[in-house]
Amino acid sequence: GGNAAPWSSVNNCTEGGTRRRLKLELRSRGFDGSDEEVDILKRGGGLRFGQSALIYRNGRLQEKQNEPMQELWPGWL
């Protein structure tokens, strides 16, 4: 038993594939697809995307519309 070695196909197919897919999806939406952006999404954070945010939930990159209560009134900027 035990954990798989870092170079094993078990790790490459799961974590590596997820990171690679997220990077490709981010790049297709105009982001850098950097490790930092991927880490933010994998921790449950979001990236600002126009009037909404990109989040990673249930294994998918999703666009979340801002809640009206979370938006700043233009006069506050």
N, C-alpha and C. Protein backbone atom coordinates (compact mmCIF):
# COMPACT_ATOMS: atom_id res chain seq x y z
N GLY A 1 0.80 -1.19 0.00
CA GLY A 1 0.00 0.00 0.00
C GLY A 1 0.84 1.25 0.00
N GLY A 2 0.28 2.34 0.52
CA GLY A 2 1.00 3.61 0.59
C GLY A 2 0.65 4.52 -0.57
N ASN A 3 1.24 5.69 -0.51
CA ASN A 3 0.98 6.68 -1.55
C ASN A 3 1.78 6.36 -2.80
N ALA A 4 1.25 6.74 -3.92
CA ALA A 4 1.95 6.55 -5.20
C ALA A 4 3.12 7.52 -5.29
N ALA A 5 4.17 7.12 -5.95
CA ALA A 5 5.32 7.99 -6.16
C ALA A 5 4.91 9.19 -7.01
N PRO A 6 5.58 10.34 -6.81
CA PRO A 6 5.20 11.56 -7.56
C PRO A 6 5.22 11.37 -9.07
N TRP A 7 6.06 10.47 -9.58
CA TRP A 7 6.17 10.29 -11.03
C TRP A 7 5.26 9.19 -11.55
N SER A 8 4.45 8.59 -10.67
CA SER A 8 3.62 7.46 -11.10
C SER A 8 2.48 7.92 -12.01
N SER A 9 1.97 6.99 -12.79
CA SER A 9 0.86 7.30 -13.69
C SER A 9 -0.39 7.66 -12.92
N VAL A 10 -0.51 7.18 -11.68
CA VAL A 10 -1.68 7.50 -10.86
C VAL A 10 -1.75 9.01 -10.66
N ASN A 11 -0.65 9.62 -10.24
CA ASN A 11 -0.63 11.06 -10.01
C ASN A 11 -0.70 11.85 -11.31
N ASN A 12 -0.02 11.38 -12.33
CA ASN A 12 0.01 12.11 -13.60
C ASN A 12 -1.37 12.18 -14.24
N CYS A 13 -2.16 11.15 -14.09
CA CYS A 13 -3.47 11.11 -14.74
C CYS A 13 -4.51 11.93 -13.99
N THR A 14 -4.31 12.12 -12.69
CA THR A 14 -5.32 12.83 -11.91
C THR A 14 -4.94 14.30 -11.77
N GLU A 15 -3.98 14.60 -10.91
CA GLU A 15 -3.62 15.98 -10.63
C GLU A 15 -3.08 16.67 -11.88
N GLY A 16 -2.16 16.04 -12.58
CA GLY A 16 -1.57 16.66 -13.76
C GLY A 16 -2.61 16.94 -14.83
N GLY A 17 -3.52 16.01 -15.05
CA GLY A 17 -4.55 16.20 -16.06
C GLY A 17 -5.49 17.32 -15.70
N THR A 18 -5.84 17.42 -14.42
CA THR A 18 -6.73 18.49 -13.96
C THR A 18 -6.07 19.85 -14.15
N ARG A 19 -4.82 19.97 -13.73
CA ARG A 19 -4.10 21.24 -13.86
C ARG A 19 -3.96 21.62 -15.33
N ARG A 20 -3.62 20.66 -16.16
CA ARG A 20 -3.43 20.93 -17.59
C ARG A 20 -4.74 21.40 -18.22
N ARG A 21 -5.85 20.72 -17.87
CA ARG A 21 -7.15 21.09 -18.42
C ARG A 21 -7.55 22.49 -17.97
N LEU A 22 -7.34 22.80 -16.68
CA LEU A 22 -7.67 24.13 -16.18
C LEU A 22 -6.84 25.20 -16.88
N LYS A 23 -5.55 24.94 -17.06
CA LYS A 23 -4.69 25.92 -17.74
C LYS A 23 -5.19 26.18 -19.16
N LEU A 24 -5.55 25.12 -19.87
CA LEU A 24 -6.05 25.28 -21.24
C LEU A 24 -7.35 26.07 -21.27
N GLU A 25 -8.26 25.77 -20.33
CA GLU A 25 -9.54 26.49 -20.29
C GLU A 25 -9.32 27.96 -19.95
N LEU A 26 -8.41 28.24 -19.00
CA LEU A 26 -8.13 29.62 -18.64
C LEU A 26 -7.56 30.39 -19.83
N ARG A 27 -6.62 29.78 -20.52
CA ARG A 27 -6.00 30.43 -21.69
C ARG A 27 -7.04 30.72 -22.76
N SER A 28 -8.00 29.81 -22.93
CA SER A 28 -9.03 30.01 -23.96
C SER A 28 -9.94 31.18 -23.62
N ARG A 29 -9.94 31.59 -22.34
CA ARG A 29 -10.77 32.73 -21.91
C ARG A 29 -9.94 34.00 -21.71
N GLY A 30 -8.67 33.96 -22.13
CA GLY A 30 -7.85 35.16 -22.08
C GLY A 30 -6.98 35.30 -20.84
N PHE A 31 -6.95 34.30 -19.98
CA PHE A 31 -6.08 34.33 -18.80
C PHE A 31 -4.71 33.77 -19.17
N ASP A 32 -3.74 33.94 -18.27
CA ASP A 32 -2.39 33.38 -18.49
C ASP A 32 -2.39 31.87 -18.35
N GLY A 33 -3.27 31.34 -17.49
CA GLY A 33 -3.24 29.91 -17.21
C GLY A 33 -2.07 29.55 -16.32
N SER A 34 -1.67 30.49 -15.46
CA SER A 34 -0.50 30.30 -14.60
C SER A 34 -0.82 29.34 -13.46
N ASP A 35 0.25 28.82 -12.84
CA ASP A 35 0.08 27.95 -11.67
C ASP A 35 -0.66 28.69 -10.57
N GLU A 36 -0.38 30.00 -10.41
CA GLU A 36 -1.04 30.79 -9.38
C GLU A 36 -2.55 30.85 -9.61
N GLU A 37 -2.96 31.08 -10.85
CA GLU A 37 -4.40 31.12 -11.16
C GLU A 37 -5.05 29.77 -10.90
N VAL A 38 -4.38 28.69 -11.31
CA VAL A 38 -4.91 27.35 -11.09
C VAL A 38 -5.03 27.07 -9.59
N ASP A 39 -4.01 27.47 -8.81
CA ASP A 39 -4.03 27.25 -7.36
C ASP A 39 -5.19 28.00 -6.71
N ILE A 40 -5.44 29.23 -7.15
CA ILE A 40 -6.57 30.02 -6.61
C ILE A 40 -7.88 29.27 -6.84
N LEU A 41 -8.07 28.77 -8.05
CA LEU A 41 -9.31 28.05 -8.37
C LEU A 41 -9.42 26.76 -7.58
N LYS A 42 -8.32 26.03 -7.45
CA LYS A 42 -8.36 24.74 -6.76
C LYS A 42 -8.58 24.91 -5.25
N ARG A 43 -8.22 26.08 -4.70
CA ARG A 43 -8.47 26.36 -3.28
C ARG A 43 -9.91 26.81 -3.05
N GLY A 44 -10.67 26.98 -4.12
CA GLY A 44 -12.06 27.41 -3.97
C GLY A 44 -12.27 28.88 -4.24
N GLY A 45 -11.23 29.58 -4.65
CA GLY A 45 -11.35 31.00 -4.96
C GLY A 45 -11.89 31.21 -6.36
N GLY A 46 -12.02 32.47 -6.73
CA GLY A 46 -12.51 32.81 -8.05
C GLY A 46 -11.62 33.84 -8.72
N LEU A 47 -11.70 33.90 -10.03
CA LEU A 47 -10.96 34.89 -10.82
C LEU A 47 -11.96 35.81 -11.50
N ARG A 48 -11.74 37.12 -11.38
CA ARG A 48 -12.65 38.09 -12.01
C ARG A 48 -12.62 37.90 -13.52
N PHE A 49 -13.82 37.84 -14.12
CA PHE A 49 -13.95 37.60 -15.56
C PHE A 49 -15.05 38.50 -16.07
N GLY A 50 -14.67 39.70 -16.52
CA GLY A 50 -15.67 40.66 -16.98
C GLY A 50 -16.59 41.06 -15.84
N GLN A 51 -17.89 40.88 -16.03
CA GLN A 51 -18.87 41.21 -14.99
C GLN A 51 -19.16 40.03 -14.07
N SER A 52 -18.43 38.93 -14.23
CA SER A 52 -18.66 37.74 -13.41
C SER A 52 -17.33 37.22 -12.90
N ALA A 53 -17.33 36.01 -12.40
CA ALA A 53 -16.11 35.38 -11.89
C ALA A 53 -16.06 33.94 -12.38
N LEU A 54 -14.85 33.44 -12.57
CA LEU A 54 -14.66 32.03 -12.90
C LEU A 54 -14.35 31.28 -11.62
N ILE A 55 -15.04 30.17 -11.40
CA ILE A 55 -14.81 29.32 -10.24
C ILE A 55 -14.66 27.89 -10.71
N TYR A 56 -14.02 27.07 -9.89
CA TYR A 56 -13.83 25.66 -10.21
C TYR A 56 -14.66 24.85 -9.22
N ARG A 57 -15.73 24.23 -9.70
CA ARG A 57 -16.63 23.45 -8.85
C ARG A 57 -16.98 22.15 -9.54
N ASN A 58 -17.04 21.08 -8.76
CA ASN A 58 -17.44 19.76 -9.28
C ASN A 58 -16.63 19.35 -10.50
N GLY A 59 -15.33 19.68 -10.49
CA GLY A 59 -14.46 19.27 -11.57
C GLY A 59 -14.61 20.06 -12.85
N ARG A 60 -15.31 21.20 -12.78
CA ARG A 60 -15.54 22.01 -13.98
C ARG A 60 -15.28 23.49 -13.71
N LEU A 61 -14.77 24.17 -14.71
CA LEU A 61 -14.63 25.62 -14.64
C LEU A 61 -15.99 26.23 -14.96
N GLN A 62 -16.49 27.07 -14.05
CA GLN A 62 -17.83 27.63 -14.22
C GLN A 62 -17.77 29.14 -14.10
N GLU A 63 -18.71 29.80 -14.76
CA GLU A 63 -18.83 31.25 -14.66
C GLU A 63 -19.94 31.55 -13.68
N LYS A 64 -19.62 32.40 -12.70
CA LYS A 64 -20.60 32.76 -11.67
C LYS A 64 -20.91 34.24 -11.80
N GLN A 65 -22.19 34.56 -11.95
CA GLN A 65 -22.61 35.95 -12.04
C GLN A 65 -22.52 36.59 -10.66
N ASN A 66 -22.12 37.86 -10.62
CA ASN A 66 -22.05 38.57 -9.35
C ASN A 66 -23.45 38.74 -8.77
N GLU A 67 -23.51 38.61 -7.46
CA GLU A 67 -24.76 38.87 -6.76
C GLU A 67 -24.96 40.39 -6.71
N PRO A 68 -26.17 40.88 -6.91
CA PRO A 68 -26.40 42.33 -6.87
C PRO A 68 -25.91 42.98 -5.58
N MET A 69 -26.03 42.29 -4.45
CA MET A 69 -25.60 42.86 -3.17
C MET A 69 -24.08 42.96 -3.07
N GLN A 70 -23.34 42.21 -3.86
CA GLN A 70 -21.89 42.22 -3.79
C GLN A 70 -21.27 43.25 -4.74
N GLU A 71 -22.07 43.84 -5.59
CA GLU A 71 -21.55 44.80 -6.55
C GLU A 71 -21.38 46.16 -5.88
N LEU A 72 -20.35 46.87 -6.28
CA LEU A 72 -20.11 48.20 -5.74
C LEU A 72 -20.91 49.22 -6.54
N TRP A 73 -21.48 50.17 -5.83
CA TRP A 73 -22.13 51.29 -6.49
C TRP A 73 -21.03 52.14 -7.14
N PRO A 74 -21.20 52.56 -8.41
CA PRO A 74 -20.12 53.29 -9.10
C PRO A 74 -19.60 54.50 -8.33
N GLY A 75 -20.43 55.13 -7.52
CA GLY A 75 -19.99 56.29 -6.76
C GLY A 75 -19.00 55.95 -5.65
N TRP A 76 -18.88 54.67 -5.30
CA TRP A 76 -17.95 54.28 -4.24
C TRP A 76 -16.54 54.08 -4.74
N LEU A 77 -16.36 54.03 -6.05
CA LEU A 77 -15.03 53.73 -6.59
C LEU A 77 -14.11 54.93 -6.56
